[in-house]
Amino acid sequence: QVQLVESGGGWVQPGGSQRLSCAASGSILSSTAMAWYRQAPGKERELVASIAGGGTTNYADSVKGRFSISRDRAFKTTYLQMNSLKPEDTAVYFCMMVIRGAQRWGQGTQVTVSS
């Protein structure tokens, strides 16, 4: 069975940077799409960044130019590089991969941006 394990997250000052990673374990061939979502307190979960099987990336307007999504060549690990972080970026971040036609989710990791 597939498991997604996230790492990274924690506290960072405004203007700082942080990198999240999400690795798929288990016997899988590859994912067909990968994405990062986030959910801030009192708000709905929103899509932050995604990368399709063909390599096309998309970003939420709020993070465009600051965040970057990437993947390993095997499509089993995804990364989210976050730069110029703002307090409004504070949220629980979740990775998602489409594997064998189904969405698989990581456990979520807290990112807190404050002074």
PDB file of N, CA and C in Angstrom:
ATOM      1  N   GLN A   1       0.837  -1.186   0.000  1.00  0.00           N
ATOM      2  CA  GLN A   1       0.000   0.000   0.000  1.00  0.00           C
ATOM      3  C   GLN A   1       0.878   1.244   0.000  1.00  0.00           C
ATOM      4  N   VAL A   2       0.381   2.296  -0.621  1.00  0.00           N
ATOM      5  CA  VAL A   2       1.143   3.524  -0.779  1.00  0.00           C
ATOM      6  C   VAL A   2       0.994   4.410   0.451  1.00  0.00           C
ATOM      7  N   GLN A   3       2.112   4.957   0.895  1.00  0.00           N
ATOM      8  CA  GLN A   3       2.125   5.928   1.978  1.00  0.00           C
ATOM      9  C   GLN A   3       2.902   7.153   1.533  1.00  0.00           C
ATOM     10  N   LEU A   4       2.388   8.335   1.859  1.00  0.00           N
ATOM     11  CA  LEU A   4       3.075   9.576   1.578  1.00  0.00           C
ATOM     12  C   LEU A   4       3.585  10.152   2.891  1.00  0.00           C
ATOM     13  N   VAL A   5       4.884  10.391   2.963  1.00  0.00           N
ATOM     14  CA  VAL A   5       5.509  10.887   4.172  1.00  0.00           C
ATOM     15  C   VAL A   5       6.085  12.270   3.909  1.00  0.00           C
ATOM     16  N   GLU A   6       5.595  13.254   4.647  1.00  0.00           N
ATOM     17  CA  GLU A   6       6.063  14.621   4.504  1.00  0.00           C
ATOM     18  C   GLU A   6       7.164  14.921   5.515  1.00  0.00           C
ATOM     19  N   SER A   7       8.040  15.816   5.136  1.00  0.00           N
ATOM     20  CA  SER A   7       9.065  16.301   6.034  1.00  0.00           C
ATOM     21  C   SER A   7       9.278  17.783   5.783  1.00  0.00           C
ATOM     22  N   GLY A   8       9.908  18.442   6.738  1.00  0.00           N
ATOM     23  CA  GLY A   8      10.061  19.878   6.673  1.00  0.00           C
ATOM     24  C   GLY A   8       8.989  20.545   7.502  1.00  0.00           C
ATOM     25  N   GLY A   9       8.803  21.806   7.287  1.00  0.00           N
ATOM     26  CA  GLY A   9       7.847  22.554   8.069  1.00  0.00           C
ATOM     27  C   GLY A   9       8.474  23.064   9.352  1.00  0.00           C
ATOM     28  N   GLY A  10       7.688  23.788  10.111  1.00  0.00           N
ATOM     29  CA  GLY A  10       8.160  24.372  11.344  1.00  0.00           C
ATOM     30  C   GLY A  10       7.972  25.878  11.341  1.00  0.00           C
ATOM     31  N   TRP A  11       8.738  26.531  12.188  1.00  0.00           N
ATOM     32  CA  TRP A  11       8.638  27.991  12.333  1.00  0.00           C
ATOM     33  C   TRP A  11       9.713  28.702  11.530  1.00  0.00           C
ATOM     34  N   VAL A  12       9.329  29.811  10.905  1.00  0.00           N
ATOM     35  CA  VAL A  12      10.266  30.622  10.145  1.00  0.00           C
ATOM     36  C   VAL A  12       9.833  32.082  10.229  1.00  0.00           C
ATOM     37  N   GLN A  13      10.791  32.983  10.203  1.00  0.00           N
ATOM     38  CA  GLN A  13      10.488  34.407  10.250  1.00  0.00           C
ATOM     39  C   GLN A  13      10.019  34.916   8.897  1.00  0.00           C
ATOM     40  N   PRO A  14       9.217  35.967   8.882  1.00  0.00           N
ATOM     41  CA  PRO A  14       8.822  36.555   7.602  1.00  0.00           C
ATOM     42  C   PRO A  14      10.031  36.888   6.749  1.00  0.00           C
ATOM     43  N   GLY A  15       9.924  36.599   5.468  1.00  0.00           N
ATOM     44  CA  GLY A  15      11.025  36.808   4.549  1.00  0.00           C
ATOM     45  C   GLY A  15      11.952  35.622   4.427  1.00  0.00           C
ATOM     46  N   GLY A  16      11.780  34.635   5.280  1.00  0.00           N
ATOM     47  CA  GLY A  16      12.619  33.457   5.260  1.00  0.00           C
ATOM     48  C   GLY A  16      12.188  32.440   4.230  1.00  0.00           C
ATOM     49  N   SER A  17      12.901  31.326   4.205  1.00  0.00           N
ATOM     50  CA  SER A  17      12.634  30.260   3.248  1.00  0.00           C
ATOM     51  C   SER A  17      12.497  28.926   3.957  1.00  0.00           C
ATOM     52  N   GLN A  18      11.797  28.023   3.316  1.00  0.00           N
ATOM     53  CA  GLN A  18      11.611  26.688   3.851  1.00  0.00           C
ATOM     54  C   GLN A  18      11.327  25.737   2.697  1.00  0.00           C
ATOM     55  N   ARG A  19      11.755  24.498   2.849  1.00  0.00           N
ATOM     56  CA  ARG A  19      11.537  23.497   1.814  1.00  0.00           C
ATOM     57  C   ARG A  19      10.808  22.296   2.398  1.00  0.00           C
ATOM     58  N   LEU A  20       9.715  21.931   1.773  1.00  0.00           N
ATOM     59  CA  LEU A  20       8.952  20.764   2.165  1.00  0.00           C
ATOM     60  C   LEU A  20       9.207  19.634   1.185  1.00  0.00           C
ATOM     61  N   SER A  21       9.158  18.420   1.673  1.00  0.00           N
ATOM     62  CA  SER A  21       9.301  17.265   0.804  1.00  0.00           C
ATOM     63  C   SER A  21       8.222  16.251   1.128  1.00  0.00           C
ATOM     64  N   CYS A  22       7.912  15.438   0.154  1.00  0.00           N
ATOM     65  CA  CYS A  22       6.895  14.410   0.302  1.00  0.00           C
ATOM     66  C   CYS A  22       7.329  13.214  -0.516  1.00  0.00           C
ATOM     67  N   ALA A  23       7.512  12.093   0.141  1.00  0.00           N
ATOM     68  CA  ALA A  23       8.009  10.893  -0.520  1.00  0.00           C
ATOM     69  C   ALA A  23       6.997   9.763  -0.431  1.00  0.00           C
ATOM     70  N   ALA A  24       6.793   9.103  -1.540  1.00  0.00           N
ATOM     71  CA  ALA A  24       5.889   7.965  -1.590  1.00  0.00           C
ATOM     72  C   ALA A  24       6.652   6.680  -1.322  1.00  0.00           C
ATOM     73  N   SER A  25       6.127   5.877  -0.434  1.00  0.00           N
ATOM     74  CA  SER A  25       6.718   4.581  -0.142  1.00  0.00           C
ATOM     75  C   SER A  25       5.769   3.483  -0.596  1.00  0.00           C
ATOM     76  N   GLY A  26       6.294   2.279  -0.653  1.00  0.00           N
ATOM     77  CA  GLY A  26       5.496   1.175  -1.131  1.00  0.00           C
ATOM     78  C   GLY A  26       5.803   0.868  -2.584  1.00  0.00           C
ATOM     79  N   SER A  27       5.210  -0.168  -3.057  1.00  0.00           N
ATOM     80  CA  SER A  27       5.468  -0.608  -4.424  1.00  0.00           C
ATOM     81  C   SER A  27       4.552   0.122  -5.400  1.00  0.00           C
ATOM     82  N   ILE A  28       5.063   1.186  -5.946  1.00  0.00           N
ATOM     83  CA  ILE A  28       4.340   1.937  -6.957  1.00  0.00           C
ATOM     84  C   ILE A  28       5.261   2.166  -8.144  1.00  0.00           C
ATOM     85  N   LEU A  29       4.661   2.373  -9.281  1.00  0.00           N
ATOM     86  CA  LEU A  29       5.450   2.674 -10.469  1.00  0.00           C
ATOM     87  C   LEU A  29       5.813   4.152 -10.496  1.00  0.00           C
ATOM     88  N   SER A  30       4.808   4.996 -10.444  1.00  0.00           N
ATOM     89  CA  SER A  30       4.994   6.433 -10.421  1.00  0.00           C
ATOM     90  C   SER A  30       3.637   7.108 -10.219  1.00  0.00           C
ATOM     91  N   SER A  31       3.691   8.382  -9.922  1.00  0.00           N
ATOM     92  CA  SER A  31       2.478   9.173  -9.873  1.00  0.00           C
ATOM     93  C   SER A  31       2.235   9.783 -11.239  1.00  0.00           C
ATOM     94  N   THR A  32       1.014  10.210 -11.480  1.00  0.00           N
ATOM     95  CA  THR A  32       0.691  10.876 -12.730  1.00  0.00           C
ATOM     96  C   THR A  32       0.534  12.379 -12.554  1.00  0.00           C
ATOM     97  N   ALA A  33       0.407  12.821 -11.317  1.00  0.00           N
ATOM     98  CA  ALA A  33       0.332  14.233 -11.007  1.00  0.00           C
ATOM     99  C   ALA A  33       0.673  14.421  -9.536  1.00  0.00           C
ATOM    100  N   MET A  34       1.214  15.580  -9.197  1.00  0.00           N
ATOM    101  CA  MET A  34       1.596  15.860  -7.825  1.00  0.00           C
ATOM    102  C   MET A  34       1.200  17.293  -7.492  1.00  0.00           C
ATOM    103  N   ALA A  35       0.893  17.529  -6.232  1.00  0.00           N
ATOM    104  CA  ALA A  35       0.442  18.859  -5.842  1.00  0.00           C
ATOM    105  C   ALA A  35       0.668  19.102  -4.359  1.00  0.00           C
ATOM    106  N   TRP A  36       0.668  20.371  -4.007  1.00  0.00           N
ATOM    107  CA  TRP A  36       0.704  20.799  -2.622  1.00  0.00           C
ATOM    108  C   TRP A  36      -0.527  21.656  -2.335  1.00  0.00           C
ATOM    109  N   TYR A  37      -1.172  21.371  -1.236  1.00  0.00           N
ATOM    110  CA  TYR A  37      -2.306  22.137  -0.752  1.00  0.00           C
ATOM    111  C   TYR A  37      -1.960  22.697   0.620  1.00  0.00           C
ATOM    112  N   ARG A  38      -2.744  23.661   1.054  1.00  0.00           N
ATOM    113  CA  ARG A  38      -2.576  24.162   2.406  1.00  0.00           C
ATOM    114  C   ARG A  38      -3.930  24.549   2.984  1.00  0.00           C
ATOM    115  N   GLN A  39      -4.006  24.500   4.297  1.00  0.00           N
ATOM    116  CA  GLN A  39      -5.225  24.872   4.994  1.00  0.00           C
ATOM    117  C   GLN A  39      -4.857  25.732   6.196  1.00  0.00           C
ATOM    118  N   ALA A  40      -5.269  26.981   6.147  1.00  0.00           N
ATOM    119  CA  ALA A  40      -5.029  27.916   7.232  1.00  0.00           C
ATOM    120  C   ALA A  40      -6.171  27.833   8.234  1.00  0.00           C
ATOM    121  N   PRO A  41      -5.941  28.267   9.469  1.00  0.00           N
ATOM    122  CA  PRO A  41      -6.992  28.226  10.482  1.00  0.00           C
ATOM    123  C   PRO A  41      -8.254  28.950  10.030  1.00  0.00           C
ATOM    124  N   GLY A  42      -9.386  28.271  10.128  1.00  0.00           N
ATOM    125  CA  GLY A  42     -10.657  28.866   9.762  1.00  0.00           C
ATOM    126  C   GLY A  42     -10.919  28.974   8.274  1.00  0.00           C
ATOM    127  N   LYS A  43     -10.049  28.423   7.463  1.00  0.00           N
ATOM    128  CA  LYS A  43     -10.199  28.510   6.016  1.00  0.00           C
ATOM    129  C   LYS A  43     -10.238  27.121   5.392  1.00  0.00           C
ATOM    130  N   GLU A  44     -10.756  27.063   4.167  1.00  0.00           N
ATOM    131  CA  GLU A  44     -10.812  25.810   3.443  1.00  0.00           C
ATOM    132  C   GLU A  44      -9.455  25.471   2.843  1.00  0.00           C
ATOM    133  N   ARG A  45      -9.254  24.201   2.577  1.00  0.00           N
ATOM    134  CA  ARG A  45      -8.029  23.766   1.944  1.00  0.00           C
ATOM    135  C   ARG A  45      -7.955  24.329   0.525  1.00  0.00           C
ATOM    136  N   GLU A  46      -6.790  24.844   0.155  1.00  0.00           N
ATOM    137  CA  GLU A  46      -6.609  25.437  -1.157  1.00  0.00           C
ATOM    138  C   GLU A  46      -5.394  24.852  -1.854  1.00  0.00           C
ATOM    139  N   LEU A  47      -5.463  24.832  -3.165  1.00  0.00           N
ATOM    140  CA  LEU A  47      -4.348  24.359  -3.972  1.00  0.00           C
ATOM    141  C   LEU A  47      -3.276  25.432  -4.034  1.00  0.00           C
ATOM    142  N   VAL A  48      -2.053  25.053  -3.721  1.00  0.00           N
ATOM    143  CA  VAL A  48      -0.924  25.974  -3.735  1.00  0.00           C
ATOM    144  C   VAL A  48      -0.127  25.842  -5.023  1.00  0.00           C
ATOM    145  N   ALA A  49       0.216  24.620  -5.379  1.00  0.00           N
ATOM    146  CA  ALA A  49       1.026  24.367  -6.557  1.00  0.00           C
ATOM    147  C   ALA A  49       0.787  22.954  -7.043  1.00  0.00           C
ATOM    148  N   SER A  50       0.944  22.743  -8.326  1.00  0.00           N
ATOM    149  CA  SER A  50       0.778  21.417  -8.891  1.00  0.00           C
ATOM    150  C   SER A  50       1.725  21.225 -10.056  1.00  0.00           C
ATOM    151  N   ILE A  51       2.022  19.971 -10.325  1.00  0.00           N
ATOM    152  CA  ILE A  51       2.830  19.623 -11.486  1.00  0.00           C
ATOM    153  C   ILE A  51       2.205  18.399 -12.122  1.00  0.00           C
ATOM    154  N   ALA A  52       1.920  18.501 -13.399  1.00  0.00           N
ATOM    155  CA  ALA A  52       1.276  17.431 -14.131  1.00  0.00           C
ATOM    156  C   ALA A  52       2.301  16.427 -14.631  1.00  0.00           C
ATOM    157  N   GLY A  53       1.789  15.312 -15.141  1.00  0.00           N
ATOM    158  CA  GLY A  53       2.678  14.272 -15.624  1.00  0.00           C
ATOM    159  C   GLY A  53       3.618  14.737 -16.715  1.00  0.00           C
ATOM    160  N   GLY A  54       3.156  15.661 -17.533  1.00  0.00           N
ATOM    161  CA  GLY A  54       3.983  16.199 -18.594  1.00  0.00           C
ATOM    162  C   GLY A  54       4.944  17.282 -18.150  1.00  0.00           C
ATOM    163  N   GLY A  55       4.880  17.680 -16.886  1.00  0.00           N
ATOM    164  CA  GLY A  55       5.789  18.675 -16.350  1.00  0.00           C
ATOM    165  C   GLY A  55       5.220  20.069 -16.208  1.00  0.00           C
ATOM    166  N   THR A  56       4.001  20.283 -16.656  1.00  0.00           N
ATOM    167  CA  THR A  56       3.376  21.594 -16.546  1.00  0.00           C
ATOM    168  C   THR A  56       3.102  21.936 -15.087  1.00  0.00           C
ATOM    169  N   THR A  57       3.495  23.126 -14.671  1.00  0.00           N
ATOM    170  CA  THR A  57       3.283  23.568 -13.299  1.00  0.00           C
ATOM    171  C   THR A  57       2.260  24.687 -13.243  1.00  0.00           C
ATOM    172  N   ASN A  58       1.555  24.748 -12.126  1.00  0.00           N
ATOM    173  CA  ASN A  58       0.593  25.805 -11.871  1.00  0.00           C
ATOM    174  C   ASN A  58       0.718  26.245 -10.422  1.00  0.00           C
ATOM    175  N   TYR A  59       0.484  27.529 -10.185  1.00  0.00           N
ATOM    176  CA  TYR A  59       0.609  28.088  -8.856  1.00  0.00           C
ATOM    177  C   TYR A  59      -0.569  28.988  -8.530  1.00  0.00           C
ATOM    178  N   ALA A  60      -0.931  29.012  -7.269  1.00  0.00           N
ATOM    179  CA  ALA A  60      -1.904  29.982  -6.815  1.00  0.00           C
ATOM    180  C   ALA A  60      -1.319  31.378  -6.969  1.00  0.00           C
ATOM    181  N   ASP A  61      -2.168  32.341  -7.279  1.00  0.00           N
ATOM    182  CA  ASP A  61      -1.691  33.703  -7.467  1.00  0.00           C
ATOM    183  C   ASP A  61      -0.956  34.233  -6.235  1.00  0.00           C
ATOM    184  N   SER A  62      -1.381  33.803  -5.069  1.00  0.00           N
ATOM    185  CA  SER A  62      -0.803  34.299  -3.832  1.00  0.00           C
ATOM    186  C   SER A  62       0.639  33.848  -3.603  1.00  0.00           C
ATOM    187  N   VAL A  63       1.072  32.791  -4.290  1.00  0.00           N
ATOM    188  CA  VAL A  63       2.424  32.277  -4.086  1.00  0.00           C
ATOM    189  C   VAL A  63       3.284  32.354  -5.337  1.00  0.00           C
ATOM    190  N   LYS A  64       2.705  32.755  -6.433  1.00  0.00           N
ATOM    191  CA  LYS A  64       3.431  32.811  -7.696  1.00  0.00           C
ATOM    192  C   LYS A  64       4.643  33.731  -7.578  1.00  0.00           C
ATOM    193  N   GLY A  65       5.781  33.232  -8.031  1.00  0.00           N
ATOM    194  CA  GLY A  65       7.015  33.981  -7.935  1.00  0.00           C
ATOM    195  C   GLY A  65       7.775  33.755  -6.649  1.00  0.00           C
ATOM    196  N   ARG A  66       7.140  33.130  -5.664  1.00  0.00           N
ATOM    197  CA  ARG A  66       7.778  32.865  -4.380  1.00  0.00           C
ATOM    198  C   ARG A  66       7.970  31.376  -4.118  1.00  0.00           C
ATOM    199  N   PHE A  67       7.026  30.566  -4.565  1.00  0.00           N
ATOM    200  CA  PHE A  67       7.072  29.127  -4.335  1.00  0.00           C
ATOM    201  C   PHE A  67       7.429  28.409  -5.627  1.00  0.00           C
ATOM    202  N   SER A  68       8.012  27.226  -5.488  1.00  0.00           N
ATOM    203  CA  SER A  68       8.363  26.411  -6.642  1.00  0.00           C
ATOM    204  C   SER A  68       8.165  24.939  -6.321  1.00  0.00           C
ATOM    205  N   ILE A  69       7.439  24.247  -7.180  1.00  0.00           N
ATOM    206  CA  ILE A  69       7.221  22.819  -7.005  1.00  0.00           C
ATOM    207  C   ILE A  69       8.153  22.054  -7.934  1.00  0.00           C
ATOM    208  N   SER A  70       8.660  20.938  -7.456  1.00  0.00           N
ATOM    209  CA  SER A  70       9.530  20.103  -8.262  1.00  0.00           C
ATOM    210  C   SER A  70       9.304  18.636  -7.908  1.00  0.00           C
ATOM    211  N   ARG A  71       9.951  17.755  -8.636  1.00  0.00           N
ATOM    212  CA  ARG A  71       9.777  16.323  -8.427  1.00  0.00           C
ATOM    213  C   ARG A  71      11.074  15.591  -8.746  1.00  0.00           C
ATOM    214  N   ASP A  72      11.161  14.351  -8.285  1.00  0.00           N
ATOM    215  CA  ASP A  72      12.284  13.529  -8.674  1.00  0.00           C
ATOM    216  C   ASP A  72      11.951  12.846  -9.991  1.00  0.00           C
ATOM    217  N   ARG A  73      12.942  12.264 -10.607  1.00  0.00           N
ATOM    218  CA  ARG A  73      12.748  11.667 -11.921  1.00  0.00           C
ATOM    219  C   ARG A  73      11.829  10.459 -11.907  1.00  0.00           C
ATOM    220  N   ALA A  74      11.719   9.807 -10.771  1.00  0.00           N
ATOM    221  CA  ALA A  74      10.855   8.638 -10.645  1.00  0.00           C
ATOM    222  C   ALA A  74       9.414   8.993 -10.318  1.00  0.00           C
ATOM    223  N   PHE A  75       9.138  10.258 -10.110  1.00  0.00           N
ATOM    224  CA  PHE A  75       7.801  10.728  -9.752  1.00  0.00           C
ATOM    225  C   PHE A  75       7.309  10.110  -8.448  1.00  0.00           C
ATOM    226  N   LYS A  76       8.237   9.931  -7.512  1.00  0.00           N
ATOM    227  CA  LYS A  76       7.882   9.392  -6.205  1.00  0.00           C
ATOM    228  C   LYS A  76       8.110  10.385  -5.079  1.00  0.00           C
ATOM    229  N   THR A  77       8.739  11.496  -5.380  1.00  0.00           N
ATOM    230  CA  THR A  77       8.993  12.534  -4.393  1.00  0.00           C
ATOM    231  C   THR A  77       8.683  13.895  -4.983  1.00  0.00           C
ATOM    232  N   THR A  78       8.022  14.736  -4.210  1.00  0.00           N
ATOM    233  CA  THR A  78       7.771  16.099  -4.633  1.00  0.00           C
ATOM    234  C   THR A  78       8.295  17.061  -3.575  1.00  0.00           C
ATOM    235  N   TYR A  79       8.713  18.232  -4.029  1.00  0.00           N
ATOM    236  CA  TYR A  79       9.261  19.246  -3.148  1.00  0.00           C
ATOM    237  C   TYR A  79       8.521  20.557  -3.358  1.00  0.00           C
ATOM    238  N   LEU A  80       8.426  21.317  -2.310  1.00  0.00           N
ATOM    239  CA  LEU A  80       7.882  22.661  -2.391  1.00  0.00           C
ATOM    240  C   LEU A  80       8.882  23.612  -1.753  1.00  0.00           C
ATOM    241  N   GLN A  81       9.546  24.392  -2.591  1.00  0.00           N
ATOM    242  CA  GLN A  81      10.472  25.409  -2.110  1.00  0.00           C
ATOM    243  C   GLN A  81       9.699  26.695  -1.882  1.00  0.00           C
ATOM    244  N   MET A  82       9.751  27.217  -0.674  1.00  0.00           N
ATOM    245  CA  MET A  82       9.008  28.402  -0.305  1.00  0.00           C
ATOM    246  C   MET A  82       9.980  29.511   0.074  1.00  0.00           C
ATOM    247  N   ASN A  83       9.933  30.601  -0.661  1.00  0.00           N
ATOM    248  CA  ASN A  83      10.796  31.747  -0.413  1.00  0.00           C
ATOM    249  C   ASN A  83       9.966  32.973  -0.091  1.00  0.00           C
ATOM    250  N   SER A  84      10.609  33.965   0.496  1.00  0.00           N
ATOM    251  CA  SER A  84       9.946  35.221   0.845  1.00  0.00           C
ATOM    252  C   SER A  84       8.640  34.968   1.579  1.00  0.00           C
ATOM    253  N   LEU A  85       8.699  34.138   2.584  1.00  0.00           N
ATOM    254  CA  LEU A  85       7.496  33.727   3.296  1.00  0.00           C
ATOM    255  C   LEU A  85       6.843  34.891   4.032  1.00  0.00           C
ATOM    256  N   LYS A  86       5.536  34.855   4.052  1.00  0.00           N
ATOM    257  CA  LYS A  86       4.714  35.868   4.693  1.00  0.00           C
ATOM    258  C   LYS A  86       3.878  35.236   5.796  1.00  0.00           C
ATOM    259  N   PRO A  87       3.448  36.027   6.774  1.00  0.00           N
ATOM    260  CA  PRO A  87       2.595  35.470   7.828  1.00  0.00           C
ATOM    261  C   PRO A  87       1.349  34.787   7.284  1.00  0.00           C
ATOM    262  N   GLU A  88       0.804  35.290   6.187  1.00  0.00           N
ATOM    263  CA  GLU A  88      -0.382  34.684   5.604  1.00  0.00           C
ATOM    264  C   GLU A  88      -0.120  33.326   4.965  1.00  0.00           C
ATOM    265  N   ASP A  89       1.139  32.926   4.865  1.00  0.00           N
ATOM    266  CA  ASP A  89       1.476  31.589   4.394  1.00  0.00           C
ATOM    267  C   ASP A  89       1.336  30.544   5.495  1.00  0.00           C
ATOM    268  N   THR A  90       1.114  30.983   6.710  1.00  0.00           N
ATOM    269  CA  THR A  90       0.957  30.069   7.827  1.00  0.00           C
ATOM    270  C   THR A  90      -0.224  29.135   7.587  1.00  0.00           C
ATOM    271  N   ALA A  91       0.031  27.841   7.632  1.00  0.00           N
ATOM    272  CA  ALA A  91      -1.004  26.848   7.358  1.00  0.00           C
ATOM    273  C   ALA A  91      -0.428  25.455   7.561  1.00  0.00           C
ATOM    274  N   VAL A  92      -1.304  24.481   7.517  1.00  0.00           N
ATOM    275  CA  VAL A  92      -0.876  23.091   7.426  1.00  0.00           C
ATOM    276  C   VAL A  92      -0.780  22.759   5.947  1.00  0.00           C
ATOM    277  N   TYR A  93       0.360  22.265   5.535  1.00  0.00           N
ATOM    278  CA  TYR A  93       0.598  21.954   4.136  1.00  0.00           C
ATOM    279  C   TYR A  93       0.493  20.452   3.901  1.00  0.00           C
ATOM    280  N   PHE A  94      -0.231  20.085   2.864  1.00  0.00           N
ATOM    281  CA  PHE A  94      -0.461  18.688   2.513  1.00  0.00           C
ATOM    282  C   PHE A  94       0.040  18.417   1.102  1.00  0.00           C
ATOM    283  N   CYS A  95       0.715  17.300   0.917  1.00  0.00           N
ATOM    284  CA  CYS A  95       1.061  16.888  -0.431  1.00  0.00           C
ATOM    285  C   CYS A  95       0.017  15.902  -0.930  1.00  0.00           C
ATOM    286  N   MET A  96      -0.105  15.839  -2.232  1.00  0.00           N
ATOM    287  CA  MET A  96      -1.053  14.933  -2.853  1.00  0.00           C
ATOM    288  C   MET A  96      -0.438  14.379  -4.127  1.00  0.00           C
ATOM    289  N   MET A  97      -0.636  13.105  -4.337  1.00  0.00           N
ATOM    290  CA  MET A  97      -0.192  12.476  -5.561  1.00  0.00           C
ATOM    291  C   MET A  97      -1.314  11.619  -6.118  1.00  0.00           C
ATOM    292  N   VAL A  98      -1.464  11.657  -7.416  1.00  0.00           N
ATOM    293  CA  VAL A  98      -2.396  10.765  -8.094  1.00  0.00           C
ATOM    294  C   VAL A  98      -1.621   9.518  -8.462  1.00  0.00           C
ATOM    295  N   ILE A  99      -1.971   8.418  -7.836  1.00  0.00           N
ATOM    296  CA  ILE A  99      -1.288   7.152  -8.025  1.00  0.00           C
ATOM    297  C   ILE A  99      -2.318   6.086  -8.342  1.00  0.00           C
ATOM    298  N   ARG A 100      -2.132   5.433  -9.448  1.00  0.00           N
ATOM    299  CA  ARG A 100      -3.053   4.391  -9.906  1.00  0.00           C
ATOM    300  C   ARG A 100      -4.482   4.918  -9.971  1.00  0.00           C
ATOM    301  N   GLY A 101      -4.605   6.149 -10.418  1.00  0.00           N
ATOM    302  CA  GLY A 101      -5.908   6.751 -10.623  1.00  0.00           C
ATOM    303  C   GLY A 101      -6.586   7.281  -9.384  1.00  0.00           C
ATOM    304  N   ALA A 102      -5.926   7.206  -8.226  1.00  0.00           N
ATOM    305  CA  ALA A 102      -6.527   7.650  -6.979  1.00  0.00           C
ATOM    306  C   ALA A 102      -5.658   8.701  -6.296  1.00  0.00           C
ATOM    307  N   GLN A 103      -6.295   9.631  -5.614  1.00  0.00           N
ATOM    308  CA  GLN A 103      -5.574  10.642  -4.858  1.00  0.00           C
ATOM    309  C   GLN A 103      -5.035  10.059  -3.561  1.00  0.00           C
ATOM    310  N   ARG A 104      -3.768  10.291  -3.304  1.00  0.00           N
ATOM    311  CA  ARG A 104      -3.134   9.902  -2.051  1.00  0.00           C
ATOM    312  C   ARG A 104      -2.628  11.159  -1.355  1.00  0.00           C
ATOM    313  N   TRP A 105      -2.827  11.234  -0.055  1.00  0.00           N
ATOM    314  CA  TRP A 105      -2.512  12.435   0.709  1.00  0.00           C
ATOM    315  C   TRP A 105      -1.497  12.180   1.799  1.00  0.00           C
ATOM    316  N   GLY A 106      -0.630  13.163   2.010  1.00  0.00           N
ATOM    317  CA  GLY A 106       0.281  13.128   3.126  1.00  0.00           C
ATOM    318  C   GLY A 106      -0.439  13.513   4.403  1.00  0.00           C
ATOM    319  N   GLN A 107       0.255  13.397   5.526  1.00  0.00           N
ATOM    320  CA  GLN A 107      -0.364  13.645   6.822  1.00  0.00           C
ATOM    321  C   GLN A 107      -0.480  15.129   7.160  1.00  0.00           C
ATOM    322  N   GLY A 108       0.214  15.963   6.427  1.00  0.00           N
ATOM    323  CA  GLY A 108       0.215  17.391   6.678  1.00  0.00           C
ATOM    324  C   GLY A 108       1.358  17.801   7.581  1.00  0.00           C
ATOM    325  N   THR A 109       1.908  18.974   7.324  1.00  0.00           N
ATOM    326  CA  THR A 109       2.972  19.513   8.158  1.00  0.00           C
ATOM    327  C   THR A 109       2.715  21.001   8.389  1.00  0.00           C
ATOM    328  N   GLN A 110       2.903  21.437   9.618  1.00  0.00           N
ATOM    329  CA  GLN A 110       2.617  22.817   9.989  1.00  0.00           C
ATOM    330  C   GLN A 110       3.752  23.740   9.578  1.00  0.00           C
ATOM    331  N   VAL A 111       3.399  24.829   8.923  1.00  0.00           N
ATOM    332  CA  VAL A 111       4.334  25.897   8.604  1.00  0.00           C
ATOM    333  C   VAL A 111       3.824  27.161   9.273  1.00  0.00           C
ATOM    334  N   THR A 112       4.632  27.727  10.138  1.00  0.00           N
ATOM    335  CA  THR A 112       4.260  28.935  10.857  1.00  0.00           C
ATOM    336  C   THR A 112       5.243  30.049  10.528  1.00  0.00           C
ATOM    337  N   VAL A 113       4.728  31.153  10.017  1.00  0.00           N
ATOM    338  CA  VAL A 113       5.548  32.297   9.645  1.00  0.00           C
ATOM    339  C   VAL A 113       5.187  33.445  10.570  1.00  0.00           C
ATOM    340  N   SER A 114       6.094  33.800  11.446  1.00  0.00           N
ATOM    341  CA  SER A 114       5.850  34.880  12.397  1.00  0.00           C
ATOM    342  C   SER A 114       7.165  35.395  12.950  1.00  0.00           C
ATOM    343  N   SER A 115       7.094  36.580  13.549  1.00  0.00           N
ATOM    344  CA  SER A 115       8.263  37.164  14.181  1.00  0.00           C
ATOM    345  C   SER A 115       8.410  36.692  15.615  1.00  0.00           C
TER     346      SER A 115
END
